[in-house]
């Protein structure tokens, strides 16, 4: 066992027993094997923990929280314990293709980059394609991220030696976006790999399917988290909504 793995993978799990097996198998099938994986169970009420415990791989490090604290705080437990130079994320219902880690690590090293993300496939709960593959934009800047976020957390990896550990802001249901905004303040741009290396499972009961709620939460990111003016917050929220319609255009 490598005491100091090069990659630390972070996953917050909550009631994902229907999907977590696919996620675990996809990580175990990676061609790049020098990793540790912190799965933080956020007080699930299903049998997620029992499923995870069946995997006797010493690279998997399960942390079970005694009370539900939300995805941001759950992930931060993993980040605090991470020993790898590179930190990557995968949600508990998503899937990495076998070369997902290897291609990203090679890209970071070969191009001397600090952070990268990738294109990804979009499927329904049964893994049937429901939208076109999302094609990653290269050289994403902070100003670009204000309009909307093309970066999907399960495709992201960054170099802690270059930029330090980034904790997840506890921004209600927009914690991924808030963290990526903070990341973009540290580096000039975030690079992209055009290959689709991740499968994003779009679940019908996800809170993100509630567009009015998401509109409100997005506004609060601008207004409360970034402390933008009311006018700018409304301006960027409108752009986010318009770009979201294009992003989720049906096949």
Protein backbone atom coordinates (compact mmCIF):
# COMPACT_ATOMS: atom_id res chain seq x y z
CA UNK A 1 0.00 0.00 0.00
CA UNK A 2 1.25 3.46 -0.88
CA UNK A 3 1.32 5.50 2.33
CA UNK A 4 1.29 8.75 0.36
CA UNK A 5 -0.96 8.29 -2.67
CA UNK A 6 -0.75 10.95 -5.34
CA UNK A 7 -4.54 11.43 -5.65
CA UNK A 8 -7.19 11.90 -2.97
CA UNK A 9 -10.74 11.33 -4.17
CA UNK A 10 -13.62 12.94 -2.28
CA UNK A 11 -17.24 11.76 -2.23
CA UNK A 12 -20.15 12.83 -0.05
CA UNK A 13 -22.78 10.10 0.18
CA UNK A 14 -26.37 10.43 1.27
CA UNK A 15 -28.94 7.70 0.55
CA UNK A 16 -27.31 6.61 -2.70
CA UNK A 17 -27.71 2.87 -2.25
CA UNK A 18 -29.34 2.56 -5.69
CA UNK A 19 -26.29 4.04 -7.43
CA UNK A 20 -23.21 3.79 -5.20
CA UNK A 21 -22.18 0.35 -6.52
CA UNK A 22 -21.73 1.75 -10.04
CA UNK A 23 -19.69 4.63 -8.62
CA UNK A 24 -17.44 2.38 -6.54
CA UNK A 25 -16.86 -0.06 -9.39
CA UNK A 26 -15.93 2.80 -11.71
CA UNK A 27 -13.26 4.05 -9.31
CA UNK A 28 -11.90 0.56 -8.67
CA UNK A 29 -11.63 0.07 -12.44
CA UNK A 30 -9.38 3.09 -12.96
CA UNK A 31 -6.22 2.50 -14.95
CA UNK A 32 -4.49 4.92 -12.56
CA UNK A 33 -4.29 3.12 -9.21
CA UNK A 34 -2.27 5.42 -6.94
CA UNK A 35 -5.19 6.92 -5.02
CA UNK A 36 -7.03 7.05 -1.73
CA UNK A 37 -10.78 7.60 -1.57
CA UNK A 38 -12.66 9.31 1.23
CA UNK A 39 -16.35 8.46 1.15
CA UNK A 40 -18.12 10.55 3.76
CA UNK A 41 -21.58 9.26 4.60
CA UNK A 42 -23.79 12.15 5.68
CA UNK A 43 -26.00 10.15 8.04
CA UNK A 44 -27.77 8.06 5.38
CA UNK A 45 -31.01 6.32 6.32
CA UNK A 46 -30.70 3.62 3.63
CA UNK A 47 -28.14 0.81 3.41
CA UNK A 48 -25.42 2.86 1.70
CA UNK A 49 -22.92 2.31 4.50
CA UNK A 50 -23.43 -1.46 4.48
CA UNK A 51 -22.86 -1.54 0.72
CA UNK A 52 -19.65 0.51 0.96
CA UNK A 53 -18.29 -1.65 3.78
CA UNK A 54 -18.49 -4.73 1.56
CA UNK A 55 -15.58 -3.40 -0.49
CA UNK A 56 -12.41 -4.55 1.24
CA UNK A 57 -9.99 -2.22 -0.51
CA UNK A 58 -7.69 -0.39 1.90
CA UNK A 59 -7.63 2.64 -0.40
CA UNK A 60 -11.30 3.27 0.43
CA UNK A 61 -11.65 5.24 3.66
CA UNK A 62 -15.23 5.48 4.91
CA UNK A 63 -16.18 8.25 7.31
CA UNK A 64 -19.66 7.99 8.83
CA UNK A 65 -21.08 11.21 10.26
CA UNK A 66 -23.34 10.97 13.29
CA UNK A 67 -25.66 13.71 12.08
CA UNK A 68 -26.59 15.12 8.69
CA UNK A 69 -24.46 18.19 7.94
CA UNK A 70 -24.82 18.68 4.19
CA UNK A 71 -22.58 17.92 1.23
CA UNK A 72 -20.18 20.82 1.76
CA UNK A 73 -19.25 19.94 5.32
CA UNK A 74 -19.17 16.22 4.50
CA UNK A 75 -16.70 16.77 1.67
CA UNK A 76 -14.56 19.00 3.86
CA UNK A 77 -14.00 16.10 6.27
CA UNK A 78 -12.42 14.25 3.39
CA UNK A 79 -10.40 17.24 2.22
CA UNK A 80 -9.03 17.77 5.72
CA UNK A 81 -7.82 14.15 5.82
CA UNK A 82 -6.56 14.00 2.24
CA UNK A 83 -2.85 13.28 1.81
CA UNK A 84 -2.68 13.24 -1.99
CA UNK A 85 -1.12 16.03 -4.02
CA UNK A 86 -4.11 16.03 -6.35
CA UNK A 87 -7.72 16.26 -5.18
CA UNK A 88 -10.53 14.92 -7.34
CA UNK A 89 -14.26 14.61 -6.72
CA UNK A 90 -16.92 12.14 -7.74
CA UNK A 91 -20.54 12.29 -6.65
CA UNK A 92 -22.08 9.14 -5.23
CA UNK A 93 -24.28 8.54 -8.29
CA UNK A 94 -21.79 9.38 -11.05
CA UNK A 95 -19.39 7.15 -12.98
CA UNK A 96 -15.80 7.61 -14.12
CA UNK A 97 -14.70 5.95 -17.33
CA UNK A 98 -11.64 3.72 -16.73
CA UNK A 99 -9.13 6.29 -17.99
CA UNK A 100 -10.67 9.29 -16.22
CA UNK A 101 -7.97 9.67 -13.58
CA UNK A 102 -5.02 8.74 -15.78
CA UNK A 103 -5.87 11.22 -18.54
CA UNK A 104 -6.39 14.07 -16.10
CA UNK A 105 -3.20 13.40 -14.15
CA UNK A 106 -1.19 13.17 -17.37
CA UNK A 107 -2.71 16.41 -18.64
CA UNK A 108 -1.84 18.25 -15.43
CA UNK A 109 1.74 17.00 -15.46
CA UNK A 110 2.42 17.33 -19.18
CA UNK A 111 0.96 20.83 -19.43
CA UNK A 112 2.09 22.12 -16.04
CA UNK A 113 -1.48 23.03 -15.11
CA UNK A 114 -3.02 23.67 -11.71
CA UNK A 115 -6.58 22.46 -12.36
CA UNK A 116 -8.52 20.80 -15.15
CA UNK A 117 -11.97 19.43 -15.87
CA UNK A 118 -13.44 17.38 -18.71
CA UNK A 119 -16.41 16.91 -20.99
CA UNK A 120 -18.99 14.43 -19.74
CA UNK A 121 -21.87 12.21 -20.79
CA UNK A 122 -25.41 12.90 -19.54
CA UNK A 123 -27.73 9.99 -18.82
CA UNK A 124 -30.90 9.26 -16.88
CA UNK A 125 -31.14 7.10 -13.77
CA UNK A 126 -30.98 3.95 -15.92
CA UNK A 127 -27.84 5.14 -17.73
CA UNK A 128 -29.75 5.87 -20.93
CA UNK A 129 -28.44 8.98 -22.75
CA UNK A 130 -30.92 11.82 -22.27
CA UNK A 131 -28.87 14.83 -23.41
CA UNK A 132 -25.95 15.40 -25.73
CA UNK A 133 -22.51 15.07 -24.19
CA UNK A 134 -21.53 18.31 -22.51
CA UNK A 135 -18.39 19.61 -24.22
CA UNK A 136 -15.96 21.33 -21.88
CA UNK A 137 -14.77 24.87 -22.64
CA UNK A 138 -11.05 25.51 -22.36
CA UNK A 139 -9.49 28.36 -20.38
CA UNK A 140 -12.43 29.08 -18.04
CA UNK A 141 -11.96 32.31 -16.09
CA UNK A 142 -13.67 33.89 -13.10
CA UNK A 143 -15.55 36.32 -15.36
CA UNK A 144 -16.75 33.42 -17.49
CA UNK A 145 -17.96 31.55 -14.41
CA UNK A 146 -20.15 34.47 -13.39
CA UNK A 147 -22.36 33.80 -16.42
CA UNK A 148 -22.82 30.11 -15.59
CA UNK A 149 -20.68 27.18 -14.56
CA UNK A 150 -19.56 24.75 -17.27
CA UNK A 151 -17.43 22.82 -14.76
CA UNK A 152 -19.01 19.68 -13.33
CA UNK A 153 -17.55 18.72 -9.96
CA UNK A 154 -17.16 15.02 -10.80
CA UNK A 155 -14.80 15.95 -13.66
CA UNK A 156 -12.62 18.37 -11.67
CA UNK A 157 -9.12 17.74 -10.31
CA UNK A 158 -6.64 20.24 -8.90
CA UNK A 159 -3.07 20.37 -7.61
CA UNK A 160 -2.81 21.16 -3.89
CA UNK A 161 0.96 21.67 -4.15
CA UNK A 162 0.35 24.58 -6.48
CA UNK A 163 -2.78 26.18 -4.97
CA UNK A 164 -3.30 24.54 -1.57
CA UNK A 165 -6.38 22.71 -0.35
CA UNK A 166 -9.69 24.35 -1.24
CA UNK A 167 -12.54 23.74 1.17
CA UNK A 168 -16.14 23.68 0.02
CA UNK A 169 -18.09 26.81 1.06
CA UNK A 170 -21.28 25.97 2.93
CA UNK A 171 -23.53 27.68 0.39
CA UNK A 172 -26.95 26.04 0.40
CA UNK A 173 -27.19 23.64 -2.58
CA UNK A 174 -24.71 25.72 -4.60
CA UNK A 175 -21.56 24.61 -2.80
CA UNK A 176 -19.94 23.18 -5.95
CA UNK A 177 -20.34 26.44 -7.82
CA UNK A 178 -19.06 28.48 -4.87
CA UNK A 179 -15.93 26.31 -4.59
CA UNK A 180 -15.22 26.56 -8.30
CA UNK A 181 -15.57 30.35 -8.12
CA UNK A 182 -13.00 30.36 -5.32
CA UNK A 183 -10.74 28.12 -7.40
CA UNK A 184 -10.95 30.51 -10.34
CA UNK A 185 -9.78 33.37 -8.11
CA UNK A 186 -6.55 31.49 -7.44
CA UNK A 187 -5.56 30.66 -11.02
CA UNK A 188 -5.83 32.59 -14.26
CA UNK A 189 -7.92 29.98 -16.03
CA UNK A 190 -9.08 26.40 -15.67
CA UNK A 191 -8.09 24.11 -18.51
CA UNK A 192 -10.31 21.47 -20.15
CA UNK A 193 -9.99 18.02 -21.67
CA UNK A 194 -12.39 17.62 -24.56
CA UNK A 195 -12.89 13.87 -24.08
CA UNK A 196 -15.98 12.77 -22.15
CA UNK A 197 -14.45 10.91 -19.21
CA UNK A 198 -17.35 11.03 -16.76
CA UNK A 199 -20.97 9.89 -16.81
CA UNK A 200 -23.35 12.30 -15.06
CA UNK A 201 -26.55 10.66 -13.90
CA UNK A 202 -29.46 13.15 -14.03
CA UNK A 203 -31.98 12.08 -11.42
CA UNK A 204 -35.62 13.08 -11.74
CA UNK A 205 -36.06 13.77 -8.02
CA UNK A 206 -32.96 15.95 -7.78
CA UNK A 207 -33.45 19.39 -6.25
CA UNK A 208 -31.77 20.86 -9.34
CA UNK A 209 -34.86 19.90 -11.35
CA UNK A 210 -36.79 22.59 -9.45
CA UNK A 211 -35.96 25.56 -11.67
CA UNK A 212 -37.59 28.25 -9.55
CA UNK A 213 -35.69 27.09 -6.48
CA UNK A 214 -32.45 27.00 -8.43
CA UNK A 215 -33.08 30.51 -9.76
CA UNK A 216 -33.38 31.78 -6.19
CA UNK A 217 -30.33 29.89 -4.96
CA UNK A 218 -28.25 31.10 -7.90
CA UNK A 219 -29.24 34.70 -7.17
CA UNK A 220 -28.15 34.26 -3.56
CA UNK A 221 -24.72 33.08 -4.68
CA UNK A 222 -24.19 36.40 -6.44
CA UNK A 223 -25.89 38.55 -3.84
CA UNK A 224 -24.82 36.94 -0.55
CA UNK A 225 -21.72 34.84 -1.32
CA UNK A 226 -20.04 37.19 -3.80
CA UNK A 227 -21.58 40.36 -2.34
CA UNK A 228 -22.51 41.75 -5.72
CA UNK A 229 -25.02 44.57 -6.05
CA UNK A 230 -28.70 43.83 -6.56
CA UNK A 231 -28.46 44.91 -10.20
CA UNK A 232 -25.40 42.76 -10.95
CA UNK A 233 -26.92 39.80 -9.10
CA UNK A 234 -30.08 39.98 -11.19
CA UNK A 235 -28.04 40.52 -14.36
CA UNK A 236 -25.89 37.44 -13.82
CA UNK A 237 -28.84 35.34 -12.67
CA UNK A 238 -30.64 36.16 -15.91
CA UNK A 239 -27.56 35.12 -17.90
CA UNK A 240 -27.31 31.92 -15.87
CA UNK A 241 -30.96 31.09 -16.63
CA UNK A 242 -30.56 31.68 -20.37
CA UNK A 243 -27.36 29.66 -20.54
CA UNK A 244 -29.04 26.89 -18.55
CA UNK A 245 -31.74 26.54 -21.21
CA UNK A 246 -29.03 25.98 -23.81
CA UNK A 247 -27.07 23.62 -21.56
CA UNK A 248 -30.05 21.30 -21.06
CA UNK A 249 -31.39 21.36 -24.59
CA UNK A 250 -32.73 17.92 -25.47
CA UNK A 251 -31.02 15.65 -27.97
